[in-house]
Amino acid sequence: MQNKRGISELIAYVLLISLSIALSIVVYNWLRAYVMPYQPKACPDGISIIIKDYNCYNGNITLNLSNKGLFRIDGYIFRINNESDATGNPVGLPINVISTTTLLTPLQPGAVTSGSWNYKTKYSKIVEMEIEPFRIEGNKNILCEKATIKQRTLLECN
């Protein structure tokens, strides 16, 4: 009779340990979502793009862009502002997207790329330009908001 009592105590200990392990796994997975939230990918701080020069001619604008940063750039979004006040200063933000350009080969640090677009079909003039670079990680475009540049047009883009 004492033999059976020893086996039942052993089974009770095995069940207690198994239940404790299962409960700790459930609690770990539940807390992991709170302690380690998903971090979206972001652009590195060393991204920098500049407008080397631009030219407005006959309703077209040509931009020469240079990567002055430490990392490659896979593309950029080109926006314009076509609203100005009586003194010619821009009013509002550049929200009119002229082009979202994905480069065939990434723009490496120190490299230059150029592009040309017709803006007269939709807008009468360009008062201010904005370039926002992006990187492609996997299948997602990661916008580099901190590296966005704005420049007023000094040449007549009317």
N, C-alpha and C. Protein backbone atom coordinates (compact mmCIF):
# COMPACT_ATOMS: atom_id res chain seq x y z
N MET A 1 0.81 -1.18 0.00
CA MET A 1 0.00 0.00 0.00
C MET A 1 0.86 1.26 0.00
N GLN A 2 1.95 1.22 0.71
CA GLN A 2 2.83 2.40 0.73
C GLN A 2 3.50 2.62 -0.62
N ASN A 3 3.65 1.57 -1.36
CA ASN A 3 4.26 1.68 -2.68
C ASN A 3 3.40 2.55 -3.59
N LYS A 4 2.09 2.38 -3.57
CA LYS A 4 1.18 3.16 -4.41
C LYS A 4 1.16 4.62 -4.00
N ARG A 5 1.29 4.88 -2.71
CA ARG A 5 1.29 6.27 -2.24
C ARG A 5 2.52 7.01 -2.77
N GLY A 6 3.65 6.39 -2.85
CA GLY A 6 4.87 7.01 -3.37
C GLY A 6 4.76 7.36 -4.85
N ILE A 7 4.09 6.51 -5.61
CA ILE A 7 3.92 6.77 -7.04
C ILE A 7 2.96 7.94 -7.24
N SER A 8 1.91 8.01 -6.49
CA SER A 8 0.95 9.10 -6.65
C SER A 8 1.58 10.44 -6.26
N GLU A 9 2.46 10.46 -5.26
CA GLU A 9 3.17 11.70 -4.92
C GLU A 9 4.11 12.10 -6.06
N LEU A 10 4.76 11.14 -6.67
CA LEU A 10 5.65 11.42 -7.79
C LEU A 10 4.88 12.00 -8.97
N ILE A 11 3.72 11.43 -9.26
CA ILE A 11 2.88 11.94 -10.34
C ILE A 11 2.40 13.35 -10.01
N ALA A 12 2.05 13.61 -8.76
CA ALA A 12 1.62 14.95 -8.35
C ALA A 12 2.74 15.96 -8.56
N TYR A 13 3.97 15.61 -8.21
CA TYR A 13 5.10 16.53 -8.41
C TYR A 13 5.36 16.78 -9.90
N VAL A 14 5.29 15.75 -10.71
CA VAL A 14 5.50 15.90 -12.16
C VAL A 14 4.41 16.81 -12.75
N LEU A 15 3.17 16.62 -12.35
CA LEU A 15 2.08 17.47 -12.84
C LEU A 15 2.25 18.91 -12.37
N LEU A 16 2.66 19.09 -11.13
CA LEU A 16 2.87 20.44 -10.60
C LEU A 16 3.99 21.17 -11.35
N ILE A 17 5.08 20.48 -11.60
CA ILE A 17 6.20 21.09 -12.34
C ILE A 17 5.78 21.38 -13.78
N SER A 18 5.06 20.45 -14.42
CA SER A 18 4.61 20.66 -15.81
C SER A 18 3.67 21.85 -15.90
N LEU A 19 2.76 21.96 -14.95
CA LEU A 19 1.83 23.08 -14.93
C LEU A 19 2.57 24.41 -14.72
N SER A 20 3.56 24.41 -13.85
CA SER A 20 4.35 25.62 -13.60
C SER A 20 5.10 26.05 -14.86
N ILE A 21 5.69 25.10 -15.55
CA ILE A 21 6.43 25.43 -16.78
C ILE A 21 5.48 25.95 -17.85
N ALA A 22 4.33 25.30 -18.02
CA ALA A 22 3.36 25.75 -19.03
C ALA A 22 2.85 27.15 -18.71
N LEU A 23 2.56 27.41 -17.45
CA LEU A 23 2.08 28.73 -17.04
C LEU A 23 3.16 29.79 -17.24
N SER A 24 4.40 29.47 -16.97
CA SER A 24 5.48 30.45 -17.17
C SER A 24 5.68 30.77 -18.65
N ILE A 25 5.49 29.78 -19.52
CA ILE A 25 5.60 30.03 -20.97
C ILE A 25 4.48 30.95 -21.44
N VAL A 26 3.29 30.73 -20.96
CA VAL A 26 2.16 31.59 -21.32
C VAL A 26 2.39 33.02 -20.84
N VAL A 27 2.83 33.19 -19.60
CA VAL A 27 3.09 34.53 -19.06
C VAL A 27 4.23 35.21 -19.82
N TYR A 28 5.27 34.47 -20.16
CA TYR A 28 6.40 35.04 -20.91
C TYR A 28 5.93 35.58 -22.26
N ASN A 29 5.17 34.78 -22.99
CA ASN A 29 4.69 35.24 -24.31
C ASN A 29 3.74 36.42 -24.20
N TRP A 30 2.95 36.47 -23.17
CA TRP A 30 2.03 37.58 -22.97
C TRP A 30 2.79 38.86 -22.63
N LEU A 31 3.81 38.77 -21.77
CA LEU A 31 4.59 39.95 -21.39
C LEU A 31 5.56 40.40 -22.48
N ARG A 32 5.99 39.49 -23.32
CA ARG A 32 6.94 39.84 -24.38
C ARG A 32 6.37 40.92 -25.30
N ALA A 33 5.08 40.89 -25.55
CA ALA A 33 4.44 41.90 -26.39
C ALA A 33 4.50 43.29 -25.75
N TYR A 34 4.49 43.37 -24.45
CA TYR A 34 4.55 44.66 -23.76
C TYR A 34 5.99 45.16 -23.59
N VAL A 35 6.90 44.26 -23.37
CA VAL A 35 8.28 44.65 -23.10
C VAL A 35 9.05 44.91 -24.40
N MET A 36 8.81 44.12 -25.43
CA MET A 36 9.52 44.24 -26.70
C MET A 36 8.54 44.53 -27.83
N PRO A 37 8.01 45.75 -27.91
CA PRO A 37 7.07 46.04 -29.00
C PRO A 37 7.81 46.06 -30.34
N TYR A 38 7.07 45.86 -31.39
CA TYR A 38 7.63 45.87 -32.74
C TYR A 38 8.19 47.25 -33.06
N GLN A 39 9.44 47.30 -33.48
CA GLN A 39 10.08 48.55 -33.87
C GLN A 39 10.10 48.63 -35.40
N PRO A 40 9.39 49.59 -35.99
CA PRO A 40 9.44 49.70 -37.45
C PRO A 40 10.84 50.14 -37.89
N LYS A 41 11.20 49.71 -39.07
CA LYS A 41 12.51 50.08 -39.59
C LYS A 41 12.53 51.58 -39.87
N ALA A 42 13.67 52.18 -39.64
CA ALA A 42 13.81 53.62 -39.85
C ALA A 42 15.09 53.87 -40.65
N CYS A 43 15.13 55.04 -41.26
CA CYS A 43 16.32 55.44 -41.99
C CYS A 43 17.46 55.71 -41.02
N PRO A 44 18.68 55.38 -41.40
CA PRO A 44 19.81 55.75 -40.55
C PRO A 44 19.99 57.27 -40.53
N ASP A 45 20.63 57.76 -39.49
CA ASP A 45 20.80 59.21 -39.34
C ASP A 45 21.76 59.81 -40.37
N GLY A 46 22.56 59.02 -41.02
CA GLY A 46 23.55 59.54 -41.96
C GLY A 46 23.05 59.73 -43.38
N ILE A 47 21.75 59.80 -43.60
CA ILE A 47 21.19 60.02 -44.95
C ILE A 47 21.15 61.52 -45.21
N SER A 48 21.68 61.93 -46.37
CA SER A 48 21.67 63.34 -46.73
C SER A 48 21.68 63.47 -48.26
N ILE A 49 20.76 64.24 -48.76
CA ILE A 49 20.68 64.49 -50.20
C ILE A 49 20.61 66.00 -50.41
N ILE A 50 21.24 66.48 -51.47
CA ILE A 50 21.19 67.91 -51.77
C ILE A 50 20.81 68.11 -53.24
N ILE A 51 20.24 69.29 -53.51
CA ILE A 51 19.97 69.69 -54.88
C ILE A 51 21.22 70.42 -55.36
N LYS A 52 22.00 69.75 -56.23
CA LYS A 52 23.22 70.39 -56.74
C LYS A 52 22.88 71.59 -57.60
N ASP A 53 21.97 71.37 -58.54
CA ASP A 53 21.46 72.48 -59.34
C ASP A 53 20.17 72.04 -60.02
N TYR A 54 19.45 73.01 -60.54
CA TYR A 54 18.21 72.72 -61.23
C TYR A 54 18.05 73.74 -62.35
N ASN A 55 17.20 73.40 -63.29
CA ASN A 55 16.96 74.28 -64.43
C ASN A 55 15.49 74.15 -64.83
N CYS A 56 14.85 75.29 -65.00
CA CYS A 56 13.46 75.32 -65.49
C CYS A 56 13.48 75.86 -66.91
N TYR A 57 12.93 75.09 -67.83
CA TYR A 57 12.91 75.53 -69.22
C TYR A 57 11.69 74.95 -69.91
N ASN A 58 10.88 75.83 -70.47
CA ASN A 58 9.77 75.43 -71.31
C ASN A 58 8.80 74.47 -70.62
N GLY A 59 8.51 74.73 -69.34
CA GLY A 59 7.57 73.90 -68.59
C GLY A 59 8.16 72.62 -68.03
N ASN A 60 9.46 72.44 -68.16
CA ASN A 60 10.14 71.27 -67.61
C ASN A 60 11.12 71.72 -66.54
N ILE A 61 11.31 70.88 -65.54
CA ILE A 61 12.33 71.14 -64.53
C ILE A 61 13.29 69.96 -64.52
N THR A 62 14.56 70.28 -64.51
CA THR A 62 15.61 69.27 -64.44
C THR A 62 16.36 69.45 -63.13
N LEU A 63 16.47 68.37 -62.36
CA LEU A 63 17.17 68.41 -61.08
C LEU A 63 18.42 67.55 -61.14
N ASN A 64 19.49 68.03 -60.53
CA ASN A 64 20.69 67.23 -60.31
C ASN A 64 20.82 67.09 -58.80
N LEU A 65 20.73 65.84 -58.33
CA LEU A 65 20.76 65.54 -56.91
C LEU A 65 22.05 64.80 -56.56
N SER A 66 22.59 65.10 -55.39
CA SER A 66 23.81 64.46 -54.94
C SER A 66 23.60 63.84 -53.56
N ASN A 67 24.13 62.64 -53.38
CA ASN A 67 24.06 61.96 -52.09
C ASN A 67 25.27 62.39 -51.26
N LYS A 68 25.04 63.22 -50.26
CA LYS A 68 26.11 63.71 -49.39
C LYS A 68 26.15 62.95 -48.07
N GLY A 69 25.40 61.87 -47.97
CA GLY A 69 25.31 61.12 -46.73
C GLY A 69 26.29 59.97 -46.68
N LEU A 70 26.06 59.09 -45.72
CA LEU A 70 26.94 57.95 -45.48
C LEU A 70 26.35 56.64 -46.01
N PHE A 71 25.08 56.67 -46.43
CA PHE A 71 24.40 55.45 -46.84
C PHE A 71 23.76 55.64 -48.21
N ARG A 72 23.45 54.53 -48.86
CA ARG A 72 22.82 54.57 -50.17
C ARG A 72 21.40 55.12 -50.07
N ILE A 73 20.93 55.66 -51.18
CA ILE A 73 19.55 56.13 -51.32
C ILE A 73 18.95 55.37 -52.49
N ASP A 74 17.78 54.76 -52.27
CA ASP A 74 17.17 53.96 -53.32
C ASP A 74 16.17 54.73 -54.17
N GLY A 75 15.76 55.90 -53.70
CA GLY A 75 14.82 56.70 -54.47
C GLY A 75 14.45 57.96 -53.71
N TYR A 76 13.54 58.73 -54.29
CA TYR A 76 13.13 59.98 -53.66
C TYR A 76 11.75 60.38 -54.14
N ILE A 77 11.10 61.21 -53.33
CA ILE A 77 9.81 61.79 -53.69
C ILE A 77 10.05 63.27 -53.94
N PHE A 78 9.63 63.74 -55.11
CA PHE A 78 9.81 65.14 -55.51
C PHE A 78 8.45 65.83 -55.42
N ARG A 79 8.35 66.81 -54.52
CA ARG A 79 7.12 67.58 -54.34
C ARG A 79 7.40 69.05 -54.63
N ILE A 80 6.33 69.76 -54.99
CA ILE A 80 6.47 71.20 -55.23
C ILE A 80 5.35 71.95 -54.51
N ASN A 81 5.60 73.22 -54.31
CA ASN A 81 4.59 74.17 -53.84
C ASN A 81 4.42 75.19 -54.96
N ASN A 82 3.20 75.37 -55.40
CA ASN A 82 2.97 76.33 -56.48
C ASN A 82 2.16 77.54 -56.01
N GLU A 83 2.03 77.70 -54.70
CA GLU A 83 1.29 78.83 -54.13
C GLU A 83 2.26 79.85 -53.54
N SER A 84 2.04 81.13 -53.84
CA SER A 84 2.89 82.19 -53.28
C SER A 84 2.03 83.39 -52.91
N ASP A 85 2.58 84.20 -52.00
CA ASP A 85 1.86 85.42 -51.62
C ASP A 85 2.26 86.55 -52.57
N ALA A 86 1.85 87.77 -52.27
CA ALA A 86 2.11 88.92 -53.15
C ALA A 86 3.60 89.21 -53.29
N THR A 87 4.39 88.86 -52.28
CA THR A 87 5.84 89.13 -52.35
C THR A 87 6.62 87.98 -52.97
N GLY A 88 5.94 86.90 -53.34
CA GLY A 88 6.62 85.77 -53.97
C GLY A 88 7.05 84.69 -53.00
N ASN A 89 6.78 84.85 -51.69
CA ASN A 89 7.15 83.84 -50.71
C ASN A 89 6.17 82.66 -50.77
N PRO A 90 6.67 81.46 -50.53
CA PRO A 90 5.79 80.28 -50.57
C PRO A 90 4.71 80.35 -49.49
N VAL A 91 3.53 79.87 -49.83
CA VAL A 91 2.42 79.79 -48.89
C VAL A 91 2.07 78.31 -48.75
N GLY A 92 2.09 77.81 -47.54
CA GLY A 92 1.77 76.39 -47.32
C GLY A 92 2.99 75.51 -47.50
N LEU A 93 2.71 74.21 -47.57
CA LEU A 93 3.76 73.20 -47.69
C LEU A 93 3.79 72.62 -49.09
N PRO A 94 4.95 72.12 -49.53
CA PRO A 94 5.01 71.45 -50.83
C PRO A 94 4.27 70.11 -50.77
N ILE A 95 3.04 70.08 -51.25
CA ILE A 95 2.25 68.86 -51.17
C ILE A 95 1.97 68.23 -52.54
N ASN A 96 2.28 68.94 -53.60
CA ASN A 96 2.00 68.44 -54.94
C ASN A 96 3.13 67.50 -55.36
N VAL A 97 2.82 66.21 -55.43
CA VAL A 97 3.84 65.22 -55.80
C VAL A 97 4.02 65.24 -57.31
N ILE A 98 5.21 65.56 -57.73
CA ILE A 98 5.55 65.54 -59.15
C ILE A 98 5.99 64.13 -59.55
N SER A 99 6.79 63.50 -58.69
CA SER A 99 7.31 62.18 -59.02
C SER A 99 7.74 61.43 -57.77
N THR A 100 7.51 60.13 -57.78
CA THR A 100 8.14 59.22 -56.83
C THR A 100 9.07 58.36 -57.66
N THR A 101 10.36 58.58 -57.51
CA THR A 101 11.35 57.96 -58.36
C THR A 101 12.11 56.88 -57.60
N THR A 102 12.04 55.65 -58.10
CA THR A 102 12.86 54.57 -57.58
C THR A 102 14.03 54.42 -58.55
N LEU A 103 15.23 54.59 -58.05
CA LEU A 103 16.42 54.55 -58.90
C LEU A 103 16.73 53.11 -59.32
N LEU A 104 17.19 52.95 -60.56
CA LEU A 104 17.55 51.61 -61.05
C LEU A 104 18.72 51.03 -60.27
N THR A 105 19.70 51.88 -60.01
CA THR A 105 20.82 51.49 -59.14
C THR A 105 20.85 52.48 -57.99
N PRO A 106 21.03 52.00 -56.77
CA PRO A 106 21.02 52.90 -55.62
C PRO A 106 22.05 54.02 -55.75
N LEU A 107 21.70 55.18 -55.24
CA LEU A 107 22.60 56.34 -55.26
C LEU A 107 23.57 56.20 -54.09
N GLN A 108 24.80 55.87 -54.41
CA GLN A 108 25.82 55.65 -53.39
C GLN A 108 26.33 57.00 -52.87
N PRO A 109 26.95 57.01 -51.69
CA PRO A 109 27.49 58.28 -51.16
C PRO A 109 28.45 58.93 -52.15
N GLY A 110 28.26 60.22 -52.38
CA GLY A 110 29.09 60.98 -53.31
C GLY A 110 28.62 60.95 -54.75
N ALA A 111 27.66 60.10 -55.07
CA ALA A 111 27.19 59.97 -56.45
C ALA A 111 26.12 61.03 -56.75
N VAL A 112 25.90 61.25 -58.06
CA VAL A 112 24.95 62.25 -58.53
C VAL A 112 23.96 61.57 -59.47
N THR A 113 22.70 62.00 -59.40
CA THR A 113 21.67 61.54 -60.33
C THR A 113 20.88 62.75 -60.81
N SER A 114 20.20 62.59 -61.92
CA SER A 114 19.39 63.70 -62.43
C SER A 114 18.07 63.17 -62.95
N GLY A 115 17.12 64.07 -63.02
CA GLY A 115 15.81 63.72 -63.54
C GLY A 115 15.15 64.96 -64.11
N SER A 116 14.22 64.75 -65.02
CA SER A 116 13.52 65.86 -65.66
C SER A 116 12.03 65.54 -65.71
N TRP A 117 11.21 66.55 -65.37
CA TRP A 117 9.76 66.36 -65.32
C TRP A 117 9.06 67.58 -65.91
N ASN A 118 7.91 67.33 -66.50
CA ASN A 118 7.07 68.40 -66.99
C ASN A 118 6.09 68.77 -65.87
N TYR A 119 6.07 70.02 -65.49
CA TYR A 119 5.16 70.47 -64.43
C TYR A 119 4.05 71.36 -64.98
N LYS A 120 4.19 71.87 -66.18
CA LYS A 120 3.21 72.82 -66.73
C LYS A 120 1.86 72.17 -67.02
N THR A 121 1.82 70.87 -67.19
CA THR A 121 0.54 70.23 -67.50
C THR A 121 -0.44 70.34 -66.33
N LYS A 122 0.08 70.43 -65.08
CA LYS A 122 -0.80 70.52 -63.91
C LYS A 122 -0.65 71.83 -63.15
N TYR A 123 0.54 72.40 -63.14
CA TYR A 123 0.81 73.56 -62.29
C TYR A 123 1.40 74.69 -63.13
N SER A 124 1.06 75.93 -62.77
CA SER A 124 1.53 77.06 -63.56
C SER A 124 2.95 77.47 -63.21
N LYS A 125 3.37 77.19 -61.96
CA LYS A 125 4.70 77.61 -61.55
C LYS A 125 5.18 76.74 -60.39
N ILE A 126 6.47 76.86 -60.10
CA ILE A 126 7.07 76.20 -58.95
C ILE A 126 7.68 77.28 -58.07
N VAL A 127 7.21 77.38 -56.83
CA VAL A 127 7.73 78.37 -55.89
C VAL A 127 8.76 77.73 -54.96
N GLU A 128 8.50 76.47 -54.59
CA GLU A 128 9.37 75.77 -53.65
C GLU A 128 9.41 74.28 -54.02
N MET A 129 10.58 73.66 -53.84
CA MET A 129 10.74 72.23 -54.12
C MET A 129 11.06 71.51 -52.82
N GLU A 130 10.66 70.24 -52.77
CA GLU A 130 10.99 69.39 -51.62
C GLU A 130 11.40 68.02 -52.14
N ILE A 131 12.50 67.51 -51.61
CA ILE A 131 12.99 66.18 -51.96
C ILE A 131 13.04 65.35 -50.68
N GLU A 132 12.35 64.22 -50.67
CA GLU A 132 12.38 63.30 -49.53
C GLU A 132 12.95 61.97 -50.00
N PRO A 133 14.16 61.63 -49.55
CA PRO A 133 14.76 60.36 -49.97
C PRO A 133 14.11 59.17 -49.26
N PHE A 134 14.25 58.00 -49.87
CA PHE A 134 13.80 56.78 -49.20
C PHE A 134 14.76 55.65 -49.51
N ARG A 135 14.70 54.64 -48.64
CA ARG A 135 15.48 53.41 -48.80
C ARG A 135 14.50 52.26 -48.93
N ILE A 136 14.91 51.21 -49.61
CA ILE A 136 14.07 50.03 -49.75
C ILE A 136 14.69 48.92 -48.91
N GLU A 137 13.92 48.44 -47.95
CA GLU A 137 14.33 47.32 -47.10
C GLU A 137 13.30 46.22 -47.29
N GLY A 138 13.72 45.11 -47.84
CA GLY A 138 12.76 44.06 -48.17
C GLY A 138 11.91 44.54 -49.32
N ASN A 139 10.63 44.61 -49.12
CA ASN A 139 9.71 45.13 -50.15
C ASN A 139 9.07 46.44 -49.72
N LYS A 140 9.61 47.08 -48.68
CA LYS A 140 9.00 48.30 -48.15
C LYS A 140 9.88 49.52 -48.40
N ASN A 141 9.23 50.62 -48.76
CA ASN A 141 9.92 51.90 -48.86
C ASN A 141 9.95 52.53 -47.47
N ILE A 142 11.15 52.87 -47.01
CA ILE A 142 11.30 53.50 -45.71
C ILE A 142 11.65 54.96 -45.97
N LEU A 143 10.69 55.85 -45.67
CA LEU A 143 10.88 57.27 -45.92
C LEU A 143 11.87 57.85 -44.92
N CYS A 144 12.74 58.72 -45.40
CA CYS A 144 13.75 59.38 -44.57
C CYS A 144 13.28 60.81 -44.30
N GLU A 145 12.34 60.95 -43.38
CA GLU A 145 11.73 62.25 -43.12
C GLU A 145 12.74 63.26 -42.59
N LYS A 146 13.72 62.79 -41.80
CA LYS A 146 14.72 63.71 -41.23
C LYS A 146 15.65 64.26 -42.31
N ALA A 147 15.75 63.57 -43.42
CA ALA A 147 16.66 64.00 -44.49
C ALA A 147 15.95 64.80 -45.59
N THR A 148 14.68 65.13 -45.38
CA THR A 148 13.92 65.90 -46.37
C THR A 148 14.48 67.30 -46.50
N ILE A 149 14.66 67.74 -47.73
CA ILE A 149 15.18 69.09 -47.97
C ILE A 149 14.14 69.91 -48.72
N LYS A 150 14.15 71.22 -48.46
CA LYS A 150 13.28 72.17 -49.17
C LYS A 150 14.16 73.26 -49.74
N GLN A 151 13.78 73.73 -50.90
CA GLN A 151 14.52 74.84 -51.51
C GLN A 151 13.55 75.69 -52.32
N ARG A 152 13.65 77.01 -52.10
CA ARG A 152 12.87 77.93 -52.92
C ARG A 152 13.48 78.00 -54.29
N THR A 153 12.65 78.23 -55.28
CA THR A 153 13.18 78.37 -56.63
C THR A 153 13.60 79.82 -56.84
N LEU A 154 14.86 79.99 -57.15
CA LEU A 154 15.39 81.32 -57.43
C LEU A 154 15.26 81.66 -58.90
N LEU A 155 15.30 80.60 -59.72
CA LEU A 155 15.09 80.80 -61.15
C LEU A 155 13.59 80.89 -61.40
N GLU A 156 13.23 81.48 -62.50
CA GLU A 156 11.83 81.60 -62.84
C GLU A 156 11.31 80.25 -63.34
N CYS A 157 10.49 79.61 -62.53
CA CYS A 157 9.84 78.38 -62.95
C CYS A 157 8.36 78.68 -63.15
N ASN A 158 8.09 79.58 -64.08
CA ASN A 158 6.72 79.97 -64.37
C ASN A 158 6.31 79.46 -65.72
